[in-house]
PDB file of N, CA and C in Angstrom:
ATOM      1  N   UNK A   1      24.097 -15.732 -14.373  1.00  0.00           N
ATOM      2  CA  UNK A   1      23.866 -16.495 -13.044  1.00  0.00           C
ATOM      3  C   UNK A   1      22.554 -16.495 -12.757  1.00  0.00           C
ATOM      4  N   UNK A   2      21.822 -18.042 -12.383  1.00  0.00           N
ATOM      5  CA  UNK A   2      20.978 -18.165 -11.790  1.00  0.00           C
ATOM      6  C   UNK A   2      20.644 -17.337 -10.177  1.00  0.00           C
ATOM      7  N   UNK A   3      19.461 -17.263 -10.666  1.00  0.00           N
ATOM      8  CA  UNK A   3      18.934 -16.251  -8.929  1.00  0.00           C
ATOM      9  C   UNK A   3      17.541 -17.197  -8.282  1.00  0.00           C
ATOM     10  N   UNK A   4      17.557 -16.910  -7.238  1.00  0.00           N
ATOM     11  CA  UNK A   4      16.462 -17.960  -6.204  1.00  0.00           C
ATOM     12  C   UNK A   4      16.400 -16.920  -4.684  1.00  0.00           C
ATOM     13  N   UNK A   5      15.483 -17.446  -4.505  1.00  0.00           N
ATOM     14  CA  UNK A   5      14.834 -16.097  -3.098  1.00  0.00           C
ATOM     15  C   UNK A   5      14.967 -17.672  -2.045  1.00  0.00           C
ATOM     16  N   UNK A   6      15.539 -16.930  -1.028  1.00  0.00           N
ATOM     17  CA  UNK A   6      15.409 -17.726   0.274  1.00  0.00           C
ATOM     18  C   UNK A   6      13.519 -17.544   0.903  1.00  0.00           C
ATOM     19  N   UNK A   7      12.943 -16.380   0.988  1.00  0.00           N
ATOM     20  CA  UNK A   7      12.355 -16.202   1.308  1.00  0.00           C
ATOM     21  C   UNK A   7      11.332 -15.478   0.283  1.00  0.00           C
ATOM     22  N   UNK A   8       9.663 -15.884   0.964  1.00  0.00           N
ATOM     23  CA  UNK A   8       8.747 -15.662  -0.108  1.00  0.00           C
ATOM     24  C   UNK A   8       8.744 -14.260  -0.455  1.00  0.00           C
ATOM     25  N   UNK A   9       8.808 -13.019   0.629  1.00  0.00           N
ATOM     26  CA  UNK A   9       9.006 -11.463   0.320  1.00  0.00           C
ATOM     27  C   UNK A   9       9.404 -11.247  -0.346  1.00  0.00           C
ATOM     28  N   UNK A  10      10.739 -11.929  -0.981  1.00  0.00           N
ATOM     29  CA  UNK A  10      11.920 -11.525  -2.003  1.00  0.00           C
ATOM     30  C   UNK A  10      11.438 -11.573  -3.006  1.00  0.00           C
ATOM     31  N   UNK A  11      10.890 -13.297  -3.274  1.00  0.00           N
ATOM     32  CA  UNK A  11      10.604 -13.331  -4.678  1.00  0.00           C
ATOM     33  C   UNK A  11       9.135 -12.412  -4.571  1.00  0.00           C
ATOM     34  N   UNK A  12       8.365 -12.214  -4.161  1.00  0.00           N
ATOM     35  CA  UNK A  12       7.221 -11.450  -4.734  1.00  0.00           C
ATOM     36  C   UNK A  12       7.565 -10.148  -5.149  1.00  0.00           C
ATOM     37  N   UNK A  13       8.037  -9.438  -4.117  1.00  0.00           N
ATOM     38  CA  UNK A  13       8.983  -7.924  -4.471  1.00  0.00           C
ATOM     39  C   UNK A  13       9.144  -8.328  -5.785  1.00  0.00           C
ATOM     40  N   UNK A  14      10.201  -9.075  -6.444  1.00  0.00           N
ATOM     41  CA  UNK A  14      10.489  -9.175  -7.603  1.00  0.00           C
ATOM     42  C   UNK A  14       9.669  -9.275  -8.775  1.00  0.00           C
ATOM     43  N   UNK A  15       8.811 -10.100  -8.576  1.00  0.00           N
ATOM     44  CA  UNK A  15       7.803 -10.722  -9.330  1.00  0.00           C
ATOM     45  C   UNK A  15       6.466  -9.604  -9.686  1.00  0.00           C
ATOM     46  N   UNK A  16       6.231  -9.114  -8.394  1.00  0.00           N
ATOM     47  CA  UNK A  16       5.069  -8.784  -8.425  1.00  0.00           C
ATOM     48  C   UNK A  16       5.287  -7.191  -8.052  1.00  0.00           C
ATOM     49  N   UNK A  17       6.525  -7.041  -7.179  1.00  0.00           N
ATOM     50  CA  UNK A  17       6.277  -5.505  -7.087  1.00  0.00           C
ATOM     51  C   UNK A  17       6.046  -5.207  -5.673  1.00  0.00           C
ATOM     52  N   UNK A  18       4.844  -5.919  -5.171  1.00  0.00           N
ATOM     53  CA  UNK A  18       4.376  -5.854  -3.910  1.00  0.00           C
ATOM     54  C   UNK A  18       4.605  -7.019  -3.014  1.00  0.00           C
ATOM     55  N   UNK A  19       4.453  -7.119  -1.586  1.00  0.00           N
ATOM     56  CA  UNK A  19       4.333  -8.199  -0.715  1.00  0.00           C
ATOM     57  C   UNK A  19       3.174  -8.554  -0.127  1.00  0.00           C
ATOM     58  N   UNK A  20       2.487  -9.250   0.018  1.00  0.00           N
ATOM     59  CA  UNK A  20       1.437  -9.186   0.948  1.00  0.00           C
ATOM     60  C   UNK A  20       2.117  -8.867   3.252  1.00  0.00           C
ATOM     61  N   UNK A  21       3.103  -8.924   2.508  1.00  0.00           N
ATOM     62  CA  UNK A  21       3.335  -9.591   4.172  1.00  0.00           C
ATOM     63  C   UNK A  21       3.899  -7.512   4.614  1.00  0.00           C
ATOM     64  N   UNK A  22       2.921  -7.174   5.771  1.00  0.00           N
ATOM     65  CA  UNK A  22       2.956  -5.784   5.667  1.00  0.00           C
ATOM     66  C   UNK A  22       4.737  -5.232   6.823  1.00  0.00           C
ATOM     67  N   UNK A  23       5.144  -6.399   7.252  1.00  0.00           N
ATOM     68  CA  UNK A  23       6.684  -6.000   7.927  1.00  0.00           C
ATOM     69  C   UNK A  23       7.443  -5.631   6.388  1.00  0.00           C
ATOM     70  N   UNK A  24       7.118  -5.896   5.426  1.00  0.00           N
ATOM     71  CA  UNK A  24       8.263  -5.530   4.371  1.00  0.00           C
ATOM     72  C   UNK A  24       7.428  -4.583   3.104  1.00  0.00           C
ATOM     73  N   UNK A  25       7.561  -3.962   3.704  1.00  0.00           N
ATOM     74  CA  UNK A  25       6.974  -2.826   2.825  1.00  0.00           C
ATOM     75  C   UNK A  25       8.026  -1.543   2.045  1.00  0.00           C
ATOM     76  N   UNK A  26       8.495  -1.134   0.820  1.00  0.00           N
ATOM     77  CA  UNK A  26       9.290  -0.769   0.239  1.00  0.00           C
ATOM     78  C   UNK A  26       9.082   0.328  -0.155  1.00  0.00           C
ATOM     79  N   UNK A  27       9.122   1.770  -0.403  1.00  0.00           N
ATOM     80  CA  UNK A  27       8.981   2.747  -1.156  1.00  0.00           C
ATOM     81  C   UNK A  27       8.985   1.657  -2.992  1.00  0.00           C
ATOM     82  N   UNK A  28       8.270   2.294  -3.725  1.00  0.00           N
ATOM     83  CA  UNK A  28       8.540   1.845  -5.127  1.00  0.00           C
ATOM     84  C   UNK A  28       9.500   2.174  -5.631  1.00  0.00           C
ATOM     85  N   UNK A  29      10.310   2.887  -5.794  1.00  0.00           N
ATOM     86  CA  UNK A  29      11.953   3.523  -5.974  1.00  0.00           C
ATOM     87  C   UNK A  29      12.751   2.167  -5.685  1.00  0.00           C
ATOM     88  N   UNK A  30      12.586   2.531  -4.067  1.00  0.00           N
ATOM     89  CA  UNK A  30      13.353   0.607  -3.516  1.00  0.00           C
ATOM     90  C   UNK A  30      13.035  -0.517  -4.136  1.00  0.00           C
ATOM     91  N   UNK A  31      11.998  -0.881  -4.766  1.00  0.00           N
ATOM     92  CA  UNK A  31      11.914  -1.943  -5.366  1.00  0.00           C
ATOM     93  C   UNK A  31      12.287  -1.900  -6.885  1.00  0.00           C
ATOM     94  N   UNK A  32      11.804  -0.498  -7.377  1.00  0.00           N
ATOM     95  CA  UNK A  32      12.145  -0.578  -8.792  1.00  0.00           C
ATOM     96  C   UNK A  32      13.895  -0.854  -8.756  1.00  0.00           C
ATOM     97  N   UNK A  33      14.967  -0.417  -7.740  1.00  0.00           N
ATOM     98  CA  UNK A  33      16.517  -0.594  -7.615  1.00  0.00           C
ATOM     99  C   UNK A  33      16.414  -2.109  -7.385  1.00  0.00           C
ATOM    100  N   UNK A  34      15.263  -2.081  -6.770  1.00  0.00           N
ATOM    101  CA  UNK A  34      15.724  -4.194  -5.917  1.00  0.00           C
ATOM    102  C   UNK A  34      15.933  -5.055  -7.359  1.00  0.00           C
ATOM    103  N   UNK A  35      14.799  -4.421  -8.241  1.00  0.00           N
ATOM    104  CA  UNK A  35      14.270  -5.271  -9.527  1.00  0.00           C
ATOM    105  C   UNK A  35      15.380  -5.357 -10.610  1.00  0.00           C
ATOM    106  N   UNK A  36      16.081  -4.342 -10.796  1.00  0.00           N
ATOM    107  CA  UNK A  36      17.189  -3.607 -11.295  1.00  0.00           C
ATOM    108  C   UNK A  36      18.214  -4.785 -11.195  1.00  0.00           C
ATOM    109  N   UNK A  37      18.458  -4.556  -9.555  1.00  0.00           N
ATOM    110  CA  UNK A  37      20.046  -5.159  -9.568  1.00  0.00           C
ATOM    111  C   UNK A  37      19.236  -7.055  -9.473  1.00  0.00           C
ATOM    112  N   UNK A  38      18.602  -7.367  -9.291  1.00  0.00           N
ATOM    113  CA  UNK A  38      18.157  -8.881  -9.751  1.00  0.00           C
ATOM    114  C   UNK A  38      18.136  -9.485 -11.053  1.00  0.00           C
ATOM    115  N   UNK A  39      17.604  -8.267 -11.981  1.00  0.00           N
ATOM    116  CA  UNK A  39      18.016  -8.454 -13.614  1.00  0.00           C
ATOM    117  C   UNK A  39      19.258  -8.549 -14.112  1.00  0.00           C
ATOM    118  N   UNK A  40      20.186  -7.299 -13.243  1.00  0.00           N
ATOM    119  CA  UNK A  40      21.489  -7.566 -13.428  1.00  0.00           C
ATOM    120  C   UNK A  40      22.401  -8.812 -13.110  1.00  0.00           C
ATOM    121  N   UNK A  41      22.337  -9.311 -12.368  1.00  0.00           N
ATOM    122  CA  UNK A  41      22.398 -10.546 -11.542  1.00  0.00           C
ATOM    123  C   UNK A  41      22.275 -12.111 -12.642  1.00  0.00           C
ATOM    124  N   UNK A  42      20.978 -11.687 -12.739  1.00  0.00           N
ATOM    125  CA  UNK A  42      20.359 -12.853 -13.625  1.00  0.00           C
ATOM    126  C   UNK A  42      21.456 -12.878 -14.930  1.00  0.00           C
ATOM    127  N   UNK A  43      21.436 -11.727 -15.574  1.00  0.00           N
ATOM    128  CA  UNK A  43      22.087 -11.429 -17.018  1.00  0.00           C
ATOM    129  C   UNK A  43      23.938 -12.100 -16.479  1.00  0.00           C
ATOM    130  N   UNK A  44      24.421 -11.838 -15.867  1.00  0.00           N
ATOM    131  CA  UNK A  44      26.251 -12.292 -15.232  1.00  0.00           C
ATOM    132  C   UNK A  44      25.966 -13.248 -15.078  1.00  0.00           C
ATOM    133  N   UNK A  45      27.419 -13.890 -15.516  1.00  0.00           N
ATOM    134  CA  UNK A  45      27.305 -15.293 -15.320  1.00  0.00           C
ATOM    135  C   UNK A  45      28.403 -15.874 -14.034  1.00  0.00           C
ATOM    136  N   UNK A  46      28.401 -14.754 -13.362  1.00  0.00           N
ATOM    137  CA  UNK A  46      29.262 -15.213 -11.818  1.00  0.00           C
ATOM    138  C   UNK A  46      29.710 -13.688 -11.395  1.00  0.00           C
ATOM    139  N   UNK A  47      29.876 -14.142  -9.677  1.00  0.00           N
ATOM    140  CA  UNK A  47      29.993 -12.769  -8.801  1.00  0.00           C
ATOM    141  C   UNK A  47      30.776 -12.035  -9.377  1.00  0.00           C
ATOM    142  N   UNK A  48      32.234 -12.393 -10.329  1.00  0.00           N
ATOM    143  CA  UNK A  48      32.905 -11.735 -10.527  1.00  0.00           C
ATOM    144  C   UNK A  48      32.873 -10.648 -11.312  1.00  0.00           C
ATOM    145  N   UNK A  49      31.702 -10.912 -12.254  1.00  0.00           N
ATOM    146  CA  UNK A  49      31.283 -10.010 -12.849  1.00  0.00           C
ATOM    147  C   UNK A  49      30.938  -8.768 -12.834  1.00  0.00           C
ATOM    148  N   UNK A  50      30.099  -8.773 -10.967  1.00  0.00           N
ATOM    149  CA  UNK A  50      29.756  -7.781 -10.155  1.00  0.00           C
ATOM    150  C   UNK A  50      30.619  -6.805  -9.932  1.00  0.00           C
ATOM    151  N   UNK A  51      32.124  -7.061  -9.825  1.00  0.00           N
ATOM    152  CA  UNK A  51      32.968  -6.030  -9.144  1.00  0.00           C
ATOM    153  C   UNK A  51      32.985  -4.851 -10.444  1.00  0.00           C
ATOM    154  N   UNK A  52      32.539  -5.238 -11.923  1.00  0.00           N
ATOM    155  CA  UNK A  52      33.187  -4.409 -12.571  1.00  0.00           C
ATOM    156  C   UNK A  52      31.897  -3.210 -12.597  1.00  0.00           C
ATOM    157  N   UNK A  53      30.553  -2.963 -11.529  1.00  0.00           N
ATOM    158  CA  UNK A  53      29.760  -2.548 -11.456  1.00  0.00           C
ATOM    159  C   UNK A  53      30.436  -1.343  -9.984  1.00  0.00           C
ATOM    160  N   UNK A  54      30.448  -0.970  -9.844  1.00  0.00           N
ATOM    161  CA  UNK A  54      31.091   0.033  -8.710  1.00  0.00           C
ATOM    162  C   UNK A  54      30.245   0.717  -8.313  1.00  0.00           C
ATOM    163  N   UNK A  55      29.333   0.812  -8.713  1.00  0.00           N
ATOM    164  CA  UNK A  55      27.797   1.710  -7.732  1.00  0.00           C
ATOM    165  C   UNK A  55      27.053   0.267  -6.754  1.00  0.00           C
ATOM    166  N   UNK A  56      27.616  -0.510  -7.396  1.00  0.00           N
ATOM    167  CA  UNK A  56      27.211  -1.863  -6.805  1.00  0.00           C
ATOM    168  C   UNK A  56      27.444  -1.822  -5.405  1.00  0.00           C
ATOM    169  N   UNK A  57      29.064  -1.731  -5.148  1.00  0.00           N
ATOM    170  CA  UNK A  57      29.406  -1.888  -4.046  1.00  0.00           C
ATOM    171  C   UNK A  57      29.594  -2.726  -3.111  1.00  0.00           C
ATOM    172  N   UNK A  58      30.030  -4.166  -4.664  1.00  0.00           N
ATOM    173  CA  UNK A  58      30.034  -5.620  -4.160  1.00  0.00           C
ATOM    174  C   UNK A  58      30.990  -5.993  -3.148  1.00  0.00           C
ATOM    175  N   UNK A  59      30.354  -6.490  -2.085  1.00  0.00           N
ATOM    176  CA  UNK A  59      31.354  -6.810  -1.131  1.00  0.00           C
ATOM    177  C   UNK A  59      31.044  -8.421  -0.230  1.00  0.00           C
ATOM    178  N   UNK A  60      32.248  -9.417   0.572  1.00  0.00           N
ATOM    179  CA  UNK A  60      31.980 -10.177   1.095  1.00  0.00           C
ATOM    180  C   UNK A  60      31.600 -10.062   2.297  1.00  0.00           C
ATOM    181  N   UNK A  61      30.819  -9.684   2.660  1.00  0.00           N
ATOM    182  CA  UNK A  61      30.628  -9.463   4.324  1.00  0.00           C
ATOM    183  C   UNK A  61      31.464 -10.338   5.268  1.00  0.00           C
ATOM    184  N   UNK A  62      31.782  -9.528   6.228  1.00  0.00           N
ATOM    185  CA  UNK A  62      32.903 -10.400   7.390  1.00  0.00           C
ATOM    186  C   UNK A  62      32.115 -10.677   8.649  1.00  0.00           C
ATOM    187  N   UNK A  63      32.226 -11.333   9.667  1.00  0.00           N
ATOM    188  CA  UNK A  63      32.169 -11.260  11.302  1.00  0.00           C
ATOM    189  C   UNK A  63      31.064 -12.187  11.061  1.00  0.00           C
ATOM    190  N   UNK A  64      29.853 -12.528  11.644  1.00  0.00           N
ATOM    191  CA  UNK A  64      28.368 -13.133  11.610  1.00  0.00           C
ATOM    192  C   UNK A  64      28.497 -12.930  10.889  1.00  0.00           C
ATOM    193  N   UNK A  65      28.407 -12.532   9.922  1.00  0.00           N
ATOM    194  CA  UNK A  65      27.755 -12.536   8.726  1.00  0.00           C
ATOM    195  C   UNK A  65      28.175 -13.314   7.133  1.00  0.00           C
ATOM    196  N   UNK A  66      29.535 -13.490   7.580  1.00  0.00           N
ATOM    197  CA  UNK A  66      30.852 -14.362   6.878  1.00  0.00           C
ATOM    198  C   UNK A  66      30.441 -15.446   6.171  1.00  0.00           C
ATOM    199  N   UNK A  67      30.671 -15.667   4.783  1.00  0.00           N
ATOM    200  CA  UNK A  67      29.777 -16.406   3.882  1.00  0.00           C
ATOM    201  C   UNK A  67      28.851 -15.771   2.577  1.00  0.00           C
ATOM    202  N   UNK A  68      27.926 -14.752   3.364  1.00  0.00           N
ATOM    203  CA  UNK A  68      26.761 -13.564   2.328  1.00  0.00           C
ATOM    204  C   UNK A  68      28.180 -12.220   1.895  1.00  0.00           C
ATOM    205  N   UNK A  69      27.112 -12.301   0.814  1.00  0.00           N
ATOM    206  CA  UNK A  69      28.006 -11.399  -0.255  1.00  0.00           C
ATOM    207  C   UNK A  69      26.543 -10.375  -0.004  1.00  0.00           C
ATOM    208  N   UNK A  70      26.753  -8.987  -0.394  1.00  0.00           N
ATOM    209  CA  UNK A  70      26.170  -7.393  -0.508  1.00  0.00           C
ATOM    210  C   UNK A  70      26.527  -6.699  -2.107  1.00  0.00           C
ATOM    211  N   UNK A  71      25.359  -6.593  -2.253  1.00  0.00           N
ATOM    212  CA  UNK A  71      24.954  -5.562  -3.434  1.00  0.00           C
ATOM    213  C   UNK A  71      24.435  -4.532  -2.520  1.00  0.00           C
ATOM    214  N   UNK A  72      24.411  -2.980  -3.334  1.00  0.00           N
ATOM    215  CA  UNK A  72      23.922  -2.050  -2.792  1.00  0.00           C
ATOM    216  C   UNK A  72      22.471  -1.992  -3.496  1.00  0.00           C
ATOM    217  N   UNK A  73      21.683  -1.112  -3.119  1.00  0.00           N
ATOM    218  CA  UNK A  73      20.450  -0.674  -4.157  1.00  0.00           C
ATOM    219  C   UNK A  73      20.253   0.389  -3.923  1.00  0.00           C
ATOM    220  N   UNK A  74      20.695   1.302  -2.976  1.00  0.00           N
ATOM    221  CA  UNK A  74      20.752   2.568  -2.983  1.00  0.00           C
ATOM    222  C   UNK A  74      21.696   2.969  -1.833  1.00  0.00           C
ATOM    223  N   UNK A  75      22.173   3.745  -1.505  1.00  0.00           N
ATOM    224  CA  UNK A  75      22.764   4.444  -0.113  1.00  0.00           C
ATOM    225  C   UNK A  75      22.615   3.654   1.177  1.00  0.00           C
ATOM    226  N   UNK A  76      20.863   3.261   1.119  1.00  0.00           N
ATOM    227  CA  UNK A  76      20.058   2.847   2.165  1.00  0.00           C
ATOM    228  C   UNK A  76      20.038   1.532   2.368  1.00  0.00           C
ATOM    229  N   UNK A  77      19.943   1.012   1.447  1.00  0.00           N
ATOM    230  CA  UNK A  77      19.906  -0.458   1.502  1.00  0.00           C
ATOM    231  C   UNK A  77      20.812  -1.198   0.584  1.00  0.00           C
ATOM    232  N   UNK A  78      20.653  -2.903   0.896  1.00  0.00           N
ATOM    233  CA  UNK A  78      21.449  -3.484   0.566  1.00  0.00           C
ATOM    234  C   UNK A  78      20.679  -5.010  -0.019  1.00  0.00           C
ATOM    235  N   UNK A  79      21.372  -5.625  -0.745  1.00  0.00           N
ATOM    236  CA  UNK A  79      20.467  -6.775  -1.231  1.00  0.00           C
ATOM    237  C   UNK A  79      21.758  -8.045  -0.649  1.00  0.00           C
ATOM    238  N   UNK A  80      21.300  -8.897   0.475  1.00  0.00           N
ATOM    239  CA  UNK A  80      22.228  -9.862   0.844  1.00  0.00           C
ATOM    240  C   UNK A  80      22.009 -11.270  -0.079  1.00  0.00           C
ATOM    241  N   UNK A  81      22.766 -11.947  -0.021  1.00  0.00           N
ATOM    242  CA  UNK A  81      23.427 -13.178  -0.700  1.00  0.00           C
ATOM    243  C   UNK A  81      24.256 -14.196  -0.696  1.00  0.00           C
ATOM    244  N   UNK A  82      23.817 -15.503  -1.081  1.00  0.00           N
ATOM    245  CA  UNK A  82      24.747 -16.368  -0.751  1.00  0.00           C
ATOM    246  C   UNK A  82      25.103 -16.684  -2.389  1.00  0.00           C
ATOM    247  N   UNK A  83      26.398 -17.462  -2.445  1.00  0.00           N
ATOM    248  CA  UNK A  83      26.547 -18.309  -4.404  1.00  0.00           C
ATOM    249  C   UNK A  83      27.134 -19.516  -3.933  1.00  0.00           C
ATOM    250  N   UNK A  84      26.602 -20.527  -4.618  1.00  0.00           N
ATOM    251  CA  UNK A  84      26.843 -21.670  -4.750  1.00  0.00           C
ATOM    252  C   UNK A  84      26.990 -21.975  -6.194  1.00  0.00           C
ATOM    253  N   UNK A  85      27.691 -22.890  -6.635  1.00  0.00           N
ATOM    254  CA  UNK A  85      28.826 -23.165  -8.046  1.00  0.00           C
ATOM    255  C   UNK A  85      27.692 -24.579  -8.115  1.00  0.00           C
ATOM    256  N   UNK A  86      26.848 -25.065  -9.057  1.00  0.00           N
ATOM    257  CA  UNK A  86      26.540 -26.059  -9.056  1.00  0.00           C
ATOM    258  C   UNK A  86      26.834 -27.015 -10.667  1.00  0.00           C
ATOM    259  N   UNK A  87      28.604 -26.349 -10.699  1.00  0.00           N
ATOM    260  CA  UNK A  87      29.570 -27.073 -11.405  1.00  0.00           C
ATOM    261  C   UNK A  87      28.862 -26.303 -13.159  1.00  0.00           C
ATOM    262  N   UNK A  88      27.891 -26.023 -13.288  1.00  0.00           N
ATOM    263  CA  UNK A  88      27.602 -25.938 -14.726  1.00  0.00           C
ATOM    264  C   UNK A  88      27.251 -23.806 -14.890  1.00  0.00           C
ATOM    265  N   UNK A  89      26.323 -22.940 -13.378  1.00  0.00           N
ATOM    266  CA  UNK A  89      26.498 -22.304 -13.641  1.00  0.00           C
ATOM    267  C   UNK A  89      26.653 -21.658 -12.092  1.00  0.00           C
ATOM    268  N   UNK A  90      26.704 -20.526 -11.646  1.00  0.00           N
ATOM    269  CA  UNK A  90      26.577 -19.989 -10.799  1.00  0.00           C
ATOM    270  C   UNK A  90      25.155 -19.858 -10.025  1.00  0.00           C
ATOM    271  N   UNK A  91      24.680 -20.092  -8.722  1.00  0.00           N
ATOM    272  CA  UNK A  91      23.310 -19.704  -8.059  1.00  0.00           C
ATOM    273  C   UNK A  91      22.921 -18.937  -7.252  1.00  0.00           C
ATOM    274  N   UNK A  92      23.082 -17.524  -7.290  1.00  0.00           N
ATOM    275  CA  UNK A  92      22.519 -17.022  -5.884  1.00  0.00           C
ATOM    276  C   UNK A  92      21.222 -17.162  -5.180  1.00  0.00           C
ATOM    277  N   UNK A  93      21.165 -17.322  -4.545  1.00  0.00           N
ATOM    278  CA  UNK A  93      20.547 -17.375  -3.245  1.00  0.00           C
ATOM    279  C   UNK A  93      20.044 -15.427  -2.585  1.00  0.00           C
ATOM    280  N   UNK A  94      18.815 -15.071  -2.911  1.00  0.00           N
ATOM    281  CA  UNK A  94      18.860 -14.043  -2.274  1.00  0.00           C
ATOM    282  C   UNK A  94      17.975 -14.098  -0.878  1.00  0.00           C
ATOM    283  N   UNK A  95      18.805 -13.427   0.365  1.00  0.00           N
ATOM    284  CA  UNK A  95      18.775 -13.562   1.177  1.00  0.00           C
ATOM    285  C   UNK A  95      18.119 -12.864   2.099  1.00  0.00           C
ATOM    286  N   UNK A  96      18.033 -11.520   2.032  1.00  0.00           N
ATOM    287  CA  UNK A  96      17.847 -10.312   2.604  1.00  0.00           C
ATOM    288  C   UNK A  96      18.033  -8.917   1.892  1.00  0.00           C
ATOM    289  N   UNK A  97      16.653  -8.277   2.196  1.00  0.00           N
ATOM    290  CA  UNK A  97      17.328  -6.761   1.676  1.00  0.00           C
ATOM    291  C   UNK A  97      16.635  -6.248   2.992  1.00  0.00           C
ATOM    292  N   UNK A  98      18.173  -5.094   3.562  1.00  0.00           N
ATOM    293  CA  UNK A  98      17.679  -4.541   4.235  1.00  0.00           C
ATOM    294  C   UNK A  98      18.383  -3.260   4.481  1.00  0.00           C
ATOM    295  N   UNK A  99      17.888  -2.583   5.534  1.00  0.00           N
ATOM    296  CA  UNK A  99      18.513  -1.257   5.548  1.00  0.00           C
ATOM    297  C   UNK A  99      19.484  -1.132   6.627  1.00  0.00           C
ATOM    298  N   UNK A 100      20.391   0.117   5.680  1.00  0.00           N
ATOM    299  CA  UNK A 100      21.570  -0.270   6.670  1.00  0.00           C
ATOM    300  C   UNK A 100      21.448   0.677   7.680  1.00  0.00           C
ATOM    301  N   UNK A 101      22.094   0.432   8.795  1.00  0.00           N
ATOM    302  CA  UNK A 101      22.056   1.454  10.057  1.00  0.00           C
ATOM    303  C   UNK A 101      23.245   2.365   9.669  1.00  0.00           C
ATOM    304  N   UNK A 102      23.474   3.989  10.117  1.00  0.00           N
ATOM    305  CA  UNK A 102      24.621   4.200  10.389  1.00  0.00           C
ATOM    306  C   UNK A 102      25.962   3.752  10.214  1.00  0.00           C
ATOM    307  N   UNK A 103      25.980   1.886  11.366  1.00  0.00           N
ATOM    308  CA  UNK A 103      27.494   1.429  11.480  1.00  0.00           C
ATOM    309  C   UNK A 103      27.542   1.097  10.101  1.00  0.00           C
ATOM    310  N   UNK A 104      26.805   0.232  10.016  1.00  0.00           N
ATOM    311  CA  UNK A 104      26.992  -0.286   8.038  1.00  0.00           C
ATOM    312  C   UNK A 104      27.372   0.484   7.211  1.00  0.00           C
ATOM    313  N   UNK A 105      27.769   1.944   7.109  1.00  0.00           N
ATOM    314  CA  UNK A 105      27.671   2.616   6.033  1.00  0.00           C
ATOM    315  C   UNK A 105      29.160   3.372   5.881  1.00  0.00           C
TER     316      UNK A 105
END
């Protein structure tokens, strides 16, 4: 699957492991696992293949986030993304990496 990034800080985290935006700073372990999740997504053909990895907790979000999919980075963080099919390959656009609240867990 092709992976693109909606926001510059998400791309910077993936490519450089850091971002200039102080609002979006993460612990090195979170960045390492974020990169691992993105690399895994890039190796898979589509989102159906993500269901094989139970540790990712792949899910389709509901409510005000309907149409957004997510995978877990760890117990505290998840990556939110959308997917479009360009006819040849799925294109995932990473929208956000966010800390889960107790309500989300």
